[in-house]
Amino acid sequence: MSLIGDGLNKAVQKAFTRPAPKSAGAQMRYLVKQLGGTRAVAQMLRVSQRTVERYVKNQIKKPRPDLAGRIDREVKARWQPQIRAKAKQKAASTDGIIIDTRARLGYTAPIGSTDQDRIRHLTIALPPQYAARLFDAQEQGASDARLQEIAAEALKEVYFQDSGRRAGSLDEVRFTDIENLEFDL
């Protein structure tokens, strides 16, 4: 997936009230229950139906690394959907979202201002409307570039313009060379 999309998913996963299944057998049983059969799970994971059945019966206990990653990703994507929805709704309506990033930030402004891009480490609380925009774009399958644009707009308003109190003539914020990015609800 994408750096920003993965960061949003990890932030939502922190709201889980119970841990997701850890063993391969338990994860497969959960996926079979969610998708309604071994054939659907096999197609999704790109393995044979018989392989899925072996995991369900605990005849195979340790998947190869690439398959283990796909299984874990699919289980976490489906785990506790109501808790996930509540966390997103709360962030999008009242709490907002916290972004912690180390990236190259710069801006386009009138002549004579210091608009040089530089590496900055920021931890900023973004307002709920930006959390809503990020989650909506993610659900609609937006690219990482689009999510990065939304995050740049949020940083422009909150960090550079201080919610309209300064730098009113700022045109565009560049948010590139992301070294680290984490979100927290």
N, C-alpha and C. Protein backbone atom coordinates (compact mmCIF):
# COMPACT_ATOMS: atom_id res chain seq x y z
N MET A 1 0.84 -1.17 0.00
CA MET A 1 0.00 0.00 0.00
C MET A 1 0.89 1.23 0.00
N SER A 2 0.46 2.27 0.66
CA SER A 2 1.19 3.52 0.64
C SER A 2 1.67 3.88 2.04
N LEU A 3 2.61 4.78 2.09
CA LEU A 3 3.18 5.21 3.36
C LEU A 3 2.11 5.88 4.22
N ILE A 4 1.37 6.81 3.65
CA ILE A 4 0.35 7.53 4.41
C ILE A 4 -0.83 6.61 4.71
N GLY A 5 -1.25 5.81 3.74
CA GLY A 5 -2.35 4.86 3.97
C GLY A 5 -2.02 3.86 5.06
N ASP A 6 -0.80 3.35 5.05
CA ASP A 6 -0.38 2.42 6.10
C ASP A 6 -0.35 3.10 7.47
N GLY A 7 0.10 4.35 7.48
CA GLY A 7 0.13 5.10 8.74
C GLY A 7 -1.26 5.32 9.31
N LEU A 8 -2.23 5.61 8.43
CA LEU A 8 -3.61 5.77 8.89
C LEU A 8 -4.17 4.46 9.43
N ASN A 9 -3.86 3.35 8.73
CA ASN A 9 -4.33 2.04 9.20
C ASN A 9 -3.75 1.69 10.56
N LYS A 10 -2.47 1.95 10.76
CA LYS A 10 -1.84 1.66 12.05
C LYS A 10 -2.44 2.50 13.17
N ALA A 11 -2.78 3.74 12.87
CA ALA A 11 -3.39 4.60 13.88
C ALA A 11 -4.75 4.06 14.30
N VAL A 12 -5.53 3.60 13.34
CA VAL A 12 -6.85 3.04 13.65
C VAL A 12 -6.71 1.73 14.40
N GLN A 13 -5.70 0.94 14.08
CA GLN A 13 -5.50 -0.34 14.74
C GLN A 13 -5.15 -0.17 16.22
N LYS A 14 -4.65 0.98 16.61
CA LYS A 14 -4.35 1.23 18.02
C LYS A 14 -5.63 1.31 18.85
N ALA A 15 -6.77 1.50 18.20
CA ALA A 15 -8.04 1.60 18.91
C ALA A 15 -8.67 0.23 19.19
N PHE A 16 -8.09 -0.84 18.64
CA PHE A 16 -8.66 -2.17 18.84
C PHE A 16 -8.76 -2.49 20.32
N THR A 17 -9.85 -3.14 20.72
CA THR A 17 -10.04 -3.51 22.11
C THR A 17 -9.53 -4.91 22.43
N ARG A 18 -9.39 -5.74 21.40
CA ARG A 18 -8.84 -7.09 21.57
C ARG A 18 -7.77 -7.30 20.52
N PRO A 19 -6.74 -8.09 20.84
CA PRO A 19 -5.71 -8.33 19.83
C PRO A 19 -6.23 -9.24 18.72
N ALA A 20 -5.75 -9.01 17.52
CA ALA A 20 -6.11 -9.86 16.38
C ALA A 20 -5.47 -11.23 16.56
N PRO A 21 -6.02 -12.27 15.93
CA PRO A 21 -5.40 -13.60 16.03
C PRO A 21 -3.95 -13.58 15.57
N LYS A 22 -3.11 -14.34 16.24
CA LYS A 22 -1.69 -14.34 15.94
C LYS A 22 -1.23 -15.57 15.15
N SER A 23 -1.71 -16.76 15.51
CA SER A 23 -1.24 -17.97 14.83
C SER A 23 -1.86 -18.06 13.44
N ALA A 24 -1.16 -18.74 12.55
CA ALA A 24 -1.64 -18.88 11.18
C ALA A 24 -2.98 -19.61 11.12
N GLY A 25 -3.15 -20.64 11.94
CA GLY A 25 -4.40 -21.37 11.96
C GLY A 25 -5.57 -20.51 12.40
N ALA A 26 -5.38 -19.75 13.46
CA ALA A 26 -6.44 -18.87 13.97
C ALA A 26 -6.75 -17.77 12.96
N GLN A 27 -5.73 -17.24 12.32
CA GLN A 27 -5.95 -16.22 11.30
C GLN A 27 -6.74 -16.78 10.12
N MET A 28 -6.39 -17.99 9.67
CA MET A 28 -7.11 -18.61 8.55
C MET A 28 -8.56 -18.90 8.93
N ARG A 29 -8.77 -19.42 10.13
CA ARG A 29 -10.15 -19.69 10.56
C ARG A 29 -10.98 -18.41 10.59
N TYR A 30 -10.37 -17.33 11.04
CA TYR A 30 -11.07 -16.05 11.06
C TYR A 30 -11.42 -15.60 9.64
N LEU A 31 -10.45 -15.69 8.72
CA LEU A 31 -10.71 -15.28 7.34
C LEU A 31 -11.77 -16.15 6.68
N VAL A 32 -11.74 -17.47 6.95
CA VAL A 32 -12.75 -18.37 6.39
C VAL A 32 -14.13 -17.98 6.90
N LYS A 33 -14.22 -17.66 8.17
CA LYS A 33 -15.51 -17.25 8.75
C LYS A 33 -15.98 -15.93 8.13
N GLN A 34 -15.08 -14.99 7.96
CA GLN A 34 -15.44 -13.68 7.42
C GLN A 34 -15.84 -13.74 5.95
N LEU A 35 -15.14 -14.54 5.17
CA LEU A 35 -15.39 -14.60 3.73
C LEU A 35 -16.36 -15.70 3.33
N GLY A 36 -16.71 -16.57 4.28
CA GLY A 36 -17.71 -17.58 4.00
C GLY A 36 -17.23 -18.83 3.29
N GLY A 37 -15.96 -19.13 3.34
CA GLY A 37 -15.49 -20.37 2.75
C GLY A 37 -14.02 -20.34 2.41
N THR A 38 -13.49 -21.54 2.24
CA THR A 38 -12.05 -21.66 1.97
C THR A 38 -11.69 -21.23 0.55
N ARG A 39 -12.63 -21.38 -0.38
CA ARG A 39 -12.34 -21.01 -1.77
C ARG A 39 -12.09 -19.50 -1.89
N ALA A 40 -12.93 -18.70 -1.25
CA ALA A 40 -12.77 -17.24 -1.31
C ALA A 40 -11.45 -16.80 -0.67
N VAL A 41 -11.09 -17.45 0.44
CA VAL A 41 -9.83 -17.11 1.11
C VAL A 41 -8.65 -17.50 0.22
N ALA A 42 -8.74 -18.66 -0.40
CA ALA A 42 -7.67 -19.13 -1.28
C ALA A 42 -7.46 -18.17 -2.45
N GLN A 43 -8.55 -17.71 -3.05
CA GLN A 43 -8.43 -16.77 -4.17
C GLN A 43 -7.83 -15.45 -3.71
N MET A 44 -8.26 -14.97 -2.55
CA MET A 44 -7.76 -13.70 -2.05
C MET A 44 -6.27 -13.77 -1.74
N LEU A 45 -5.82 -14.87 -1.15
CA LEU A 45 -4.42 -15.02 -0.75
C LEU A 45 -3.54 -15.60 -1.85
N ARG A 46 -4.15 -15.99 -2.96
CA ARG A 46 -3.44 -16.58 -4.11
C ARG A 46 -2.71 -17.87 -3.73
N VAL A 47 -3.42 -18.75 -3.01
CA VAL A 47 -2.93 -20.09 -2.68
C VAL A 47 -4.03 -21.08 -3.04
N SER A 48 -3.74 -22.37 -2.93
CA SER A 48 -4.76 -23.37 -3.25
C SER A 48 -5.76 -23.50 -2.11
N GLN A 49 -6.94 -23.99 -2.45
CA GLN A 49 -7.98 -24.19 -1.44
C GLN A 49 -7.52 -25.24 -0.43
N ARG A 50 -6.81 -26.23 -0.89
CA ARG A 50 -6.30 -27.28 0.00
C ARG A 50 -5.31 -26.71 1.02
N THR A 51 -4.50 -25.75 0.59
CA THR A 51 -3.55 -25.12 1.51
C THR A 51 -4.30 -24.40 2.64
N VAL A 52 -5.35 -23.70 2.28
CA VAL A 52 -6.17 -23.00 3.28
C VAL A 52 -6.76 -24.03 4.26
N GLU A 53 -7.27 -25.14 3.73
CA GLU A 53 -7.84 -26.19 4.59
C GLU A 53 -6.80 -26.74 5.56
N ARG A 54 -5.57 -26.89 5.10
CA ARG A 54 -4.50 -27.39 5.97
C ARG A 54 -4.19 -26.41 7.10
N TYR A 55 -4.20 -25.14 6.80
CA TYR A 55 -3.99 -24.14 7.85
C TYR A 55 -5.14 -24.16 8.85
N VAL A 56 -6.36 -24.28 8.37
CA VAL A 56 -7.54 -24.32 9.25
C VAL A 56 -7.45 -25.49 10.21
N LYS A 57 -6.97 -26.64 9.74
CA LYS A 57 -6.85 -27.85 10.58
C LYS A 57 -5.54 -27.89 11.37
N ASN A 58 -4.74 -26.84 11.28
CA ASN A 58 -3.43 -26.76 11.94
C ASN A 58 -2.45 -27.83 11.46
N GLN A 59 -2.60 -28.30 10.23
CA GLN A 59 -1.63 -29.23 9.67
C GLN A 59 -0.39 -28.48 9.19
N ILE A 60 -0.57 -27.23 8.82
CA ILE A 60 0.55 -26.34 8.50
C ILE A 60 0.50 -25.24 9.54
N LYS A 61 1.64 -24.99 10.18
CA LYS A 61 1.63 -24.01 11.26
C LYS A 61 2.41 -22.74 10.95
N LYS A 62 3.39 -22.82 10.06
CA LYS A 62 4.24 -21.65 9.79
C LYS A 62 4.23 -21.34 8.30
N PRO A 63 3.56 -20.25 7.91
CA PRO A 63 3.54 -19.88 6.49
C PRO A 63 4.86 -19.24 6.07
N ARG A 64 5.12 -19.28 4.79
CA ARG A 64 6.30 -18.59 4.27
C ARG A 64 6.11 -17.08 4.48
N PRO A 65 7.19 -16.31 4.54
CA PRO A 65 7.11 -14.90 4.93
C PRO A 65 6.15 -14.03 4.10
N ASP A 66 6.15 -14.21 2.78
CA ASP A 66 5.27 -13.38 1.96
C ASP A 66 3.80 -13.71 2.22
N LEU A 67 3.48 -14.99 2.40
CA LEU A 67 2.11 -15.39 2.70
C LEU A 67 1.71 -14.94 4.11
N ALA A 68 2.63 -15.02 5.05
CA ALA A 68 2.34 -14.58 6.42
C ALA A 68 1.99 -13.09 6.44
N GLY A 69 2.68 -12.30 5.64
CA GLY A 69 2.39 -10.87 5.55
C GLY A 69 1.01 -10.60 4.96
N ARG A 70 0.66 -11.35 3.90
CA ARG A 70 -0.66 -11.18 3.28
C ARG A 70 -1.77 -11.58 4.24
N ILE A 71 -1.57 -12.71 4.95
CA ILE A 71 -2.58 -13.18 5.91
C ILE A 71 -2.78 -12.13 7.00
N ASP A 72 -1.68 -11.66 7.58
CA ASP A 72 -1.76 -10.69 8.66
C ASP A 72 -2.44 -9.40 8.20
N ARG A 73 -2.09 -8.94 7.02
CA ARG A 73 -2.68 -7.71 6.47
C ARG A 73 -4.19 -7.86 6.27
N GLU A 74 -4.62 -9.00 5.73
CA GLU A 74 -6.04 -9.22 5.48
C GLU A 74 -6.83 -9.37 6.78
N VAL A 75 -6.25 -10.03 7.78
CA VAL A 75 -6.93 -10.18 9.07
C VAL A 75 -7.10 -8.81 9.72
N LYS A 76 -6.03 -8.01 9.75
CA LYS A 76 -6.11 -6.70 10.39
C LYS A 76 -7.03 -5.75 9.63
N ALA A 77 -7.16 -5.94 8.33
CA ALA A 77 -8.07 -5.09 7.55
C ALA A 77 -9.54 -5.38 7.89
N ARG A 78 -9.82 -6.59 8.38
CA ARG A 78 -11.20 -6.98 8.68
C ARG A 78 -11.50 -7.03 10.19
N TRP A 79 -10.49 -6.89 11.02
CA TRP A 79 -10.64 -7.07 12.46
C TRP A 79 -11.38 -5.89 13.07
N GLN A 80 -12.36 -6.18 13.89
CA GLN A 80 -13.17 -5.22 14.64
C GLN A 80 -13.62 -4.01 13.79
N PRO A 81 -14.46 -4.25 12.80
CA PRO A 81 -14.88 -3.16 11.91
C PRO A 81 -15.66 -2.06 12.62
N GLN A 82 -16.44 -2.39 13.64
CA GLN A 82 -17.20 -1.36 14.34
C GLN A 82 -16.29 -0.45 15.17
N ILE A 83 -15.29 -1.04 15.81
CA ILE A 83 -14.32 -0.25 16.58
C ILE A 83 -13.55 0.66 15.64
N ARG A 84 -13.17 0.13 14.48
CA ARG A 84 -12.45 0.90 13.46
C ARG A 84 -13.30 2.09 13.00
N ALA A 85 -14.58 1.82 12.73
CA ALA A 85 -15.48 2.88 12.26
C ALA A 85 -15.68 3.96 13.32
N LYS A 86 -15.82 3.55 14.58
CA LYS A 86 -16.00 4.52 15.66
C LYS A 86 -14.76 5.39 15.82
N ALA A 87 -13.58 4.79 15.74
CA ALA A 87 -12.34 5.56 15.87
C ALA A 87 -12.20 6.58 14.74
N LYS A 88 -12.52 6.15 13.52
CA LYS A 88 -12.45 7.08 12.38
C LYS A 88 -13.47 8.20 12.55
N GLN A 89 -14.68 7.85 12.96
CA GLN A 89 -15.74 8.85 13.14
C GLN A 89 -15.36 9.86 14.21
N LYS A 90 -14.80 9.39 15.31
CA LYS A 90 -14.41 10.27 16.40
C LYS A 90 -13.31 11.22 15.94
N ALA A 91 -12.33 10.71 15.21
CA ALA A 91 -11.23 11.55 14.70
C ALA A 91 -11.75 12.57 13.69
N ALA A 92 -12.71 12.15 12.86
CA ALA A 92 -13.23 13.02 11.81
C ALA A 92 -14.25 14.04 12.32
N SER A 93 -14.82 13.82 13.51
CA SER A 93 -15.85 14.74 13.97
C SER A 93 -15.40 15.62 15.14
N THR A 94 -14.64 15.09 16.07
CA THR A 94 -14.32 15.89 17.26
C THR A 94 -12.83 15.97 17.59
N ASP A 95 -12.12 14.85 17.56
CA ASP A 95 -10.75 14.82 18.08
C ASP A 95 -9.67 15.26 17.10
N GLY A 96 -9.84 14.98 15.84
CA GLY A 96 -8.78 15.23 14.88
C GLY A 96 -7.77 14.10 14.92
N ILE A 97 -6.61 14.36 14.31
CA ILE A 97 -5.58 13.33 14.22
C ILE A 97 -4.22 14.00 14.42
N ILE A 98 -3.29 13.28 15.03
CA ILE A 98 -1.95 13.83 15.27
C ILE A 98 -1.01 13.22 14.23
N ILE A 99 -0.25 14.09 13.60
CA ILE A 99 0.74 13.63 12.62
C ILE A 99 2.13 13.89 13.19
N ASP A 100 2.97 12.89 13.12
CA ASP A 100 4.35 13.00 13.55
C ASP A 100 5.19 12.61 12.34
N THR A 101 5.92 13.57 11.79
CA THR A 101 6.66 13.30 10.58
C THR A 101 8.03 13.96 10.59
N ARG A 102 8.91 13.35 9.86
CA ARG A 102 10.21 13.95 9.55
C ARG A 102 10.30 13.91 8.04
N ALA A 103 10.24 15.09 7.45
CA ALA A 103 10.19 15.19 6.00
C ALA A 103 10.74 16.54 5.55
N ARG A 104 10.92 16.65 4.25
CA ARG A 104 11.36 17.91 3.66
C ARG A 104 10.11 18.76 3.41
N LEU A 105 10.09 19.94 4.04
CA LEU A 105 8.95 20.85 3.90
C LEU A 105 9.43 22.20 3.39
N GLY A 106 8.68 22.75 2.48
CA GLY A 106 8.96 24.08 1.95
C GLY A 106 7.66 24.65 1.42
N TYR A 107 7.72 25.86 0.90
CA TYR A 107 6.50 26.48 0.41
C TYR A 107 6.80 27.46 -0.70
N THR A 108 5.77 27.81 -1.43
CA THR A 108 5.84 28.80 -2.47
C THR A 108 5.18 30.06 -1.92
N ALA A 109 5.90 31.17 -1.94
CA ALA A 109 5.39 32.42 -1.37
C ALA A 109 5.90 33.59 -2.21
N PRO A 110 5.46 34.79 -1.89
CA PRO A 110 5.91 35.97 -2.63
C PRO A 110 7.44 36.12 -2.57
N ILE A 111 7.98 36.87 -3.51
CA ILE A 111 9.42 37.09 -3.59
C ILE A 111 9.90 37.79 -2.34
N GLY A 112 11.05 37.36 -1.86
CA GLY A 112 11.64 37.98 -0.69
C GLY A 112 11.44 37.18 0.60
N SER A 113 10.66 36.13 0.54
CA SER A 113 10.46 35.32 1.74
C SER A 113 11.39 34.12 1.72
N THR A 114 11.63 33.53 2.85
CA THR A 114 12.53 32.39 2.95
C THR A 114 11.73 31.11 2.74
N ASP A 115 11.68 30.67 1.51
CA ASP A 115 10.87 29.50 1.17
C ASP A 115 11.71 28.27 0.90
N GLN A 116 12.92 28.23 1.38
CA GLN A 116 13.83 27.12 1.14
C GLN A 116 13.30 25.84 1.78
N ASP A 117 13.25 24.75 1.01
CA ASP A 117 12.86 23.45 1.57
C ASP A 117 13.93 23.00 2.56
N ARG A 118 13.49 22.39 3.66
CA ARG A 118 14.44 21.82 4.60
C ARG A 118 13.78 20.68 5.36
N ILE A 119 14.61 19.82 5.89
CA ILE A 119 14.10 18.70 6.68
C ILE A 119 13.60 19.25 8.02
N ARG A 120 12.36 18.89 8.34
CA ARG A 120 11.77 19.32 9.61
C ARG A 120 11.15 18.11 10.29
N HIS A 121 11.19 18.12 11.60
CA HIS A 121 10.50 17.10 12.38
C HIS A 121 9.33 17.80 13.07
N LEU A 122 8.11 17.39 12.72
CA LEU A 122 6.90 18.03 13.24
C LEU A 122 6.01 17.01 13.92
N THR A 123 5.43 17.41 15.01
CA THR A 123 4.35 16.66 15.66
C THR A 123 3.23 17.66 15.86
N ILE A 124 2.18 17.51 15.07
CA ILE A 124 1.11 18.52 15.04
C ILE A 124 -0.25 17.83 15.10
N ALA A 125 -1.16 18.44 15.85
CA ALA A 125 -2.55 17.97 15.89
C ALA A 125 -3.30 18.62 14.73
N LEU A 126 -3.82 17.79 13.84
CA LEU A 126 -4.59 18.30 12.70
C LEU A 126 -6.07 18.35 13.08
N PRO A 127 -6.79 19.36 12.61
CA PRO A 127 -8.22 19.47 12.94
C PRO A 127 -9.04 18.33 12.34
N PRO A 128 -10.24 18.11 12.88
CA PRO A 128 -11.08 16.99 12.42
C PRO A 128 -11.39 16.99 10.92
N GLN A 129 -11.53 18.17 10.32
CA GLN A 129 -11.87 18.17 8.89
C GLN A 129 -10.77 17.53 8.04
N TYR A 130 -9.52 17.67 8.45
CA TYR A 130 -8.43 17.03 7.69
C TYR A 130 -8.39 15.53 7.95
N ALA A 131 -8.70 15.11 9.18
CA ALA A 131 -8.80 13.68 9.45
C ALA A 131 -9.91 13.08 8.59
N ALA A 132 -11.03 13.77 8.49
CA ALA A 132 -12.14 13.28 7.67
C ALA A 132 -11.73 13.19 6.21
N ARG A 133 -11.04 14.21 5.70
CA ARG A 133 -10.60 14.18 4.30
C ARG A 133 -9.62 13.04 4.04
N LEU A 134 -8.69 12.83 4.97
CA LEU A 134 -7.73 11.74 4.80
C LEU A 134 -8.42 10.38 4.79
N PHE A 135 -9.32 10.14 5.75
CA PHE A 135 -10.01 8.85 5.81
C PHE A 135 -10.93 8.65 4.61
N ASP A 136 -11.63 9.70 4.18
CA ASP A 136 -12.52 9.59 3.01
C ASP A 136 -11.72 9.27 1.75
N ALA A 137 -10.62 9.97 1.57
CA ALA A 137 -9.78 9.72 0.39
C ALA A 137 -9.22 8.30 0.42
N GLN A 138 -8.81 7.85 1.61
CA GLN A 138 -8.27 6.49 1.72
C GLN A 138 -9.33 5.45 1.37
N GLU A 139 -10.56 5.64 1.87
CA GLU A 139 -11.64 4.69 1.59
C GLU A 139 -12.01 4.68 0.11
N GLN A 140 -11.84 5.80 -0.58
CA GLN A 140 -12.15 5.88 -2.00
C GLN A 140 -10.99 5.37 -2.86
N GLY A 141 -9.93 4.93 -2.21
CA GLY A 141 -8.80 4.34 -2.95
C GLY A 141 -7.86 5.37 -3.54
N ALA A 142 -7.72 6.51 -2.89
CA ALA A 142 -6.84 7.57 -3.39
C ALA A 142 -5.38 7.09 -3.38
N SER A 143 -4.62 7.64 -4.30
CA SER A 143 -3.20 7.29 -4.39
C SER A 143 -2.44 7.93 -3.23
N ASP A 144 -1.21 7.47 -3.03
CA ASP A 144 -0.38 8.04 -1.98
C ASP A 144 -0.10 9.51 -2.27
N ALA A 145 0.01 9.87 -3.55
CA ALA A 145 0.26 11.26 -3.90
C ALA A 145 -0.91 12.15 -3.47
N ARG A 146 -2.14 11.67 -3.65
CA ARG A 146 -3.32 12.45 -3.24
C ARG A 146 -3.37 12.59 -1.72
N LEU A 147 -3.10 11.50 -0.99
CA LEU A 147 -3.08 11.58 0.47
C LEU A 147 -1.98 12.53 0.94
N GLN A 148 -0.86 12.55 0.24
CA GLN A 148 0.24 13.45 0.57
C GLN A 148 -0.17 14.91 0.34
N GLU A 149 -0.96 15.16 -0.72
CA GLU A 149 -1.46 16.51 -0.98
C GLU A 149 -2.37 16.99 0.14
N ILE A 150 -3.24 16.11 0.61
CA ILE A 150 -4.16 16.47 1.69
C ILE A 150 -3.37 16.77 2.97
N ALA A 151 -2.37 15.94 3.25
CA ALA A 151 -1.53 16.17 4.43
C ALA A 151 -0.76 17.50 4.29
N ALA A 152 -0.30 17.82 3.08
CA ALA A 152 0.41 19.08 2.85
C ALA A 152 -0.52 20.27 3.07
N GLU A 153 -1.77 20.16 2.62
CA GLU A 153 -2.74 21.24 2.86
C GLU A 153 -2.98 21.42 4.35
N ALA A 154 -3.07 20.33 5.08
CA ALA A 154 -3.27 20.40 6.52
C ALA A 154 -2.08 21.06 7.20
N LEU A 155 -0.88 20.68 6.81
CA LEU A 155 0.32 21.28 7.39
C LEU A 155 0.41 22.76 7.04
N LYS A 156 -0.01 23.12 5.83
CA LYS A 156 -0.01 24.52 5.42
C LYS A 156 -0.89 25.34 6.37
N GLU A 157 -2.10 24.86 6.60
CA GLU A 157 -3.03 25.62 7.43
C GLU A 157 -2.62 25.64 8.89
N VAL A 158 -2.25 24.49 9.43
CA VAL A 158 -2.00 24.40 10.86
C VAL A 158 -0.60 24.88 11.24
N TYR A 159 0.42 24.47 10.50
CA TYR A 159 1.80 24.80 10.89
C TYR A 159 2.25 26.15 10.32
N PHE A 160 2.14 26.33 9.01
CA PHE A 160 2.66 27.53 8.40
C PHE A 160 1.74 28.74 8.60
N GLN A 161 0.44 28.57 8.45
CA GLN A 161 -0.48 29.70 8.55
C GLN A 161 -1.11 29.85 9.93
N ASP A 162 -0.91 28.91 10.81
CA ASP A 162 -1.45 28.97 12.17
C ASP A 162 -2.94 29.31 12.17
N SER A 163 -3.69 28.54 11.39
CA SER A 163 -5.15 28.69 11.26
C SER A 163 -5.55 30.11 10.86
N GLY A 164 -4.80 30.71 9.92
CA GLY A 164 -5.15 32.02 9.38
C GLY A 164 -4.54 33.20 10.11
N ARG A 165 -3.73 32.98 11.13
CA ARG A 165 -3.16 34.09 11.90
C ARG A 165 -1.86 34.64 11.31
N ARG A 166 -1.24 33.94 10.37
CA ARG A 166 0.00 34.42 9.76
C ARG A 166 0.17 33.81 8.39
N ALA A 167 1.11 34.32 7.63
CA ALA A 167 1.48 33.81 6.30
C ALA A 167 0.26 33.62 5.40
N GLY A 168 -0.57 34.64 5.33
CA GLY A 168 -1.78 34.55 4.51
C GLY A 168 -1.51 34.46 3.03
N SER A 169 -0.35 34.91 2.56
CA SER A 169 -0.05 34.91 1.14
C SER A 169 0.66 33.63 0.68
N LEU A 170 0.70 32.64 1.52
CA LEU A 170 1.35 31.37 1.19
C LEU A 170 0.55 30.67 0.09
N ASP A 171 1.23 30.24 -0.96
CA ASP A 171 0.53 29.61 -2.08
C ASP A 171 0.43 28.11 -1.94
N GLU A 172 1.57 27.47 -1.81
CA GLU A 172 1.60 26.01 -1.84
C GLU A 172 2.67 25.51 -0.89
N VAL A 173 2.41 24.38 -0.24
CA VAL A 173 3.39 23.76 0.64
C VAL A 173 3.88 22.49 -0.03
N ARG A 174 5.20 22.32 -0.03
CA ARG A 174 5.79 21.09 -0.56
C ARG A 174 6.12 20.17 0.60
N PHE A 175 5.62 18.95 0.52
CA PHE A 175 5.78 17.93 1.58
C PHE A 175 6.38 16.72 0.88
N THR A 176 7.72 16.61 0.89
CA THR A 176 8.40 15.56 0.11
C THR A 176 9.46 14.87 0.96
N ASP A 177 10.10 13.88 0.38
CA ASP A 177 11.20 13.15 1.03
C ASP A 177 10.84 12.73 2.44
N ILE A 178 9.73 12.06 2.58
CA ILE A 178 9.25 11.65 3.90
C ILE A 178 10.14 10.54 4.44
N GLU A 179 10.81 10.82 5.54
CA GLU A 179 11.68 9.83 6.18
C GLU A 179 10.89 9.00 7.19
N ASN A 180 9.97 9.65 7.90
CA ASN A 180 9.19 8.98 8.93
C ASN A 180 7.81 9.63 8.97
N LEU A 181 6.78 8.81 9.16
CA LEU A 181 5.43 9.34 9.23
C LEU A 181 4.58 8.43 10.09
N GLU A 182 4.00 9.01 11.12
CA GLU A 182 3.10 8.25 12.00
C GLU A 182 1.89 9.11 12.31
N PHE A 183 0.76 8.44 12.46
CA PHE A 183 -0.46 9.11 12.86
C PHE A 183 -0.92 8.53 14.20
N ASP A 184 -1.62 9.34 14.95
CA ASP A 184 -2.20 8.88 16.21
C ASP A 184 -3.57 9.52 16.36
N LEU A 185 -4.51 8.74 16.84
CA LEU A 185 -5.86 9.27 17.00
C LEU A 185 -6.05 9.86 18.38
